Amino acid sequence: MLPFFAKLLPCLIGIEACASSHYWARELVALGHDVKLMPAQYVKPYVKRGKNDAADADAIGEAVTRPTMRFVGIKTPDSRAR
């Protein structure tokens, strides 16, 4: 996955916050991207149809552009260990 993102110009990337999202956010930020993590419960209202990967990706894309969306801070490996 990283080679794909390394080829892209820096852009905004939205990710649902989960156990591995902080790792991926740090990796993508290191490539120059702007990464925003969002709690899944805040993304759920933007799902327009059945639960599947495409619908989830569409909802994340919609949610990350909302001006009132609340984002989760990206944690360091040390803060994740606590």
C-alpha atoms as a PDB file:
ATOM      1  CA  MET A   1       0.000   0.000   0.000  1.00  0.00           C
ATOM      2  CA  LEU A   2       2.810   2.444   0.808  1.00  0.00           C
ATOM      3  CA  PRO A   3       4.276   2.356  -2.746  1.00  0.00           C
ATOM      4  CA  PHE A   4       0.862   3.427  -4.070  1.00  0.00           C
ATOM      5  CA  PHE A   5       0.634   6.420  -1.721  1.00  0.00           C
ATOM      6  CA  ALA A   6       4.298   7.306  -2.269  1.00  0.00           C
ATOM      7  CA  LYS A   7       3.508   7.933  -5.954  1.00  0.00           C
ATOM      8  CA  LEU A   8       0.623  10.315  -5.191  1.00  0.00           C
ATOM      9  CA  LEU A   9       1.012  14.028  -4.771  1.00  0.00           C
ATOM     10  CA  PRO A  10       0.339  15.041  -1.149  1.00  0.00           C
ATOM     11  CA  CYS A  11      -3.399  14.940  -0.501  1.00  0.00           C
ATOM     12  CA  LEU A  12      -6.025  14.673   2.243  1.00  0.00           C
ATOM     13  CA  ILE A  13      -6.616  11.104   3.419  1.00  0.00           C
ATOM     14  CA  GLY A  14      -9.476  10.180   5.748  1.00  0.00           C
ATOM     15  CA  ILE A  15      -9.283   7.018   7.851  1.00  0.00           C
ATOM     16  CA  GLU A  16     -11.677   5.539  10.389  1.00  0.00           C
ATOM     17  CA  ALA A  17      -9.878   5.395  13.725  1.00  0.00           C
ATOM     18  CA  CYS A  18      -9.075   1.832  14.799  1.00  0.00           C
ATOM     19  CA  ALA A  19      -6.181  -0.107  16.310  1.00  0.00           C
ATOM     20  CA  SER A  20      -3.947   0.049  13.219  1.00  0.00           C
ATOM     21  CA  SER A  21      -5.030   3.446  11.881  1.00  0.00           C
ATOM     22  CA  HIS A  22      -2.474   5.353  13.965  1.00  0.00           C
ATOM     23  CA  TYR A  23       0.381   3.349  12.415  1.00  0.00           C
ATOM     24  CA  TRP A  24      -0.895   3.970   8.881  1.00  0.00           C
ATOM     25  CA  ALA A  25      -1.511   7.646   9.625  1.00  0.00           C
ATOM     26  CA  ARG A  26       2.100   8.083  10.763  1.00  0.00           C
ATOM     27  CA  GLU A  27       3.377   6.324   7.636  1.00  0.00           C
ATOM     28  CA  LEU A  28       1.207   8.457   5.328  1.00  0.00           C
ATOM     29  CA  VAL A  29       2.149  11.700   7.094  1.00  0.00           C
ATOM     30  CA  ALA A  30       5.813  10.748   6.592  1.00  0.00           C
ATOM     31  CA  LEU A  31       5.053  10.642   2.847  1.00  0.00           C
ATOM     32  CA  GLY A  32       3.710  14.200   3.044  1.00  0.00           C
ATOM     33  CA  HIS A  33      -0.022  13.500   3.122  1.00  0.00           C
ATOM     34  CA  ASP A  34      -2.562  15.236   5.382  1.00  0.00           C
ATOM     35  CA  VAL A  35      -4.224  12.416   7.343  1.00  0.00           C
ATOM     36  CA  LYS A  36      -7.410  12.813   9.388  1.00  0.00           C
ATOM     37  CA  LEU A  37      -8.645  10.057  11.701  1.00  0.00           C
ATOM     38  CA  MET A  38     -12.351   9.926  12.513  1.00  0.00           C
ATOM     39  CA  PRO A  39     -14.247   7.774  15.018  1.00  0.00           C
ATOM     40  CA  ALA A  40     -16.365   5.167  13.219  1.00  0.00           C
ATOM     41  CA  GLN A  41     -19.538   6.345  14.949  1.00  0.00           C
ATOM     42  CA  TYR A  42     -19.055   9.808  13.372  1.00  0.00           C
ATOM     43  CA  VAL A  43     -18.654   8.311   9.887  1.00  0.00           C
ATOM     44  CA  LYS A  44     -21.662   5.959  10.122  1.00  0.00           C
ATOM     45  CA  PRO A  45     -24.314   8.650   9.450  1.00  0.00           C
ATOM     46  CA  TYR A  46     -22.733   9.262   6.026  1.00  0.00           C
ATOM     47  CA  VAL A  47     -23.215   5.654   4.831  1.00  0.00           C
ATOM     48  CA  LYS A  48     -25.900   5.946   2.140  1.00  0.00           C
ATOM     49  CA  ARG A  49     -26.506   2.278   1.359  1.00  0.00           C
ATOM     50  CA  GLY A  50     -25.669  -1.229   2.560  1.00  0.00           C
ATOM     51  CA  LYS A  51     -22.566  -1.954   4.621  1.00  0.00           C
ATOM     52  CA  ASN A  52     -19.685  -2.777   2.263  1.00  0.00           C
ATOM     53  CA  ASP A  53     -16.189  -1.479   1.528  1.00  0.00           C
ATOM     54  CA  ALA A  54     -17.285   0.842  -1.292  1.00  0.00           C
ATOM     55  CA  ALA A  55     -20.078   2.392   0.786  1.00  0.00           C
ATOM     56  CA  ASP A  56     -17.690   2.818   3.731  1.00  0.00           C
ATOM     57  CA  ALA A  57     -15.071   4.505   1.527  1.00  0.00           C
ATOM     58  CA  ASP A  58     -17.703   6.857   0.124  1.00  0.00           C
ATOM     59  CA  ALA A  59     -18.892   7.731   3.646  1.00  0.00           C
ATOM     60  CA  ILE A  60     -15.328   8.365   4.851  1.00  0.00           C
ATOM     61  CA  GLY A  61     -14.702  10.625   1.854  1.00  0.00           C
ATOM     62  CA  GLU A  62     -17.853  12.579   2.621  1.00  0.00           C
ATOM     63  CA  ALA A  63     -17.205  12.799   6.356  1.00  0.00           C
ATOM     64  CA  VAL A  64     -13.589  13.981   6.107  1.00  0.00           C
ATOM     65  CA  THR A  65     -14.652  17.069   4.142  1.00  0.00           C
ATOM     66  CA  ARG A  66     -17.286  18.196   6.653  1.00  0.00           C
ATOM     67  CA  PRO A  67     -16.262  21.393   8.450  1.00  0.00           C
ATOM     68  CA  THR A  68     -17.793  20.291  11.761  1.00  0.00           C
ATOM     69  CA  MET A  69     -16.253  16.788  11.792  1.00  0.00           C
ATOM     70  CA  ARG A  70     -14.314  15.925  14.947  1.00  0.00           C
ATOM     71  CA  PHE A  71     -10.980  14.259  14.333  1.00  0.00           C
ATOM     72  CA  VAL A  72      -8.840  11.982  16.483  1.00  0.00           C
ATOM     73  CA  GLY A  73      -5.207  12.929  17.080  1.00  0.00           C
ATOM     74  CA  ILE A  74      -2.561  10.612  15.651  1.00  0.00           C
ATOM     75  CA  LYS A  75      -0.881   8.779  18.518  1.00  0.00           C
ATOM     76  CA  THR A  76       2.828   8.017  18.718  1.00  0.00           C
ATOM     77  CA  PRO A  77       4.002   4.446  19.319  1.00  0.00           C
ATOM     78  CA  ASP A  78       4.844   5.413  22.925  1.00  0.00           C
ATOM     79  CA  SER A  79       1.378   6.808  23.626  1.00  0.00           C
ATOM     80  CA  ARG A  80      -0.223   3.710  22.056  1.00  0.00           C
ATOM     81  CA  ALA A  81       1.700   1.492  24.489  1.00  0.00           C
ATOM     82  CA  ARG A  82       0.116   3.078  27.569  1.00  0.00           C
END
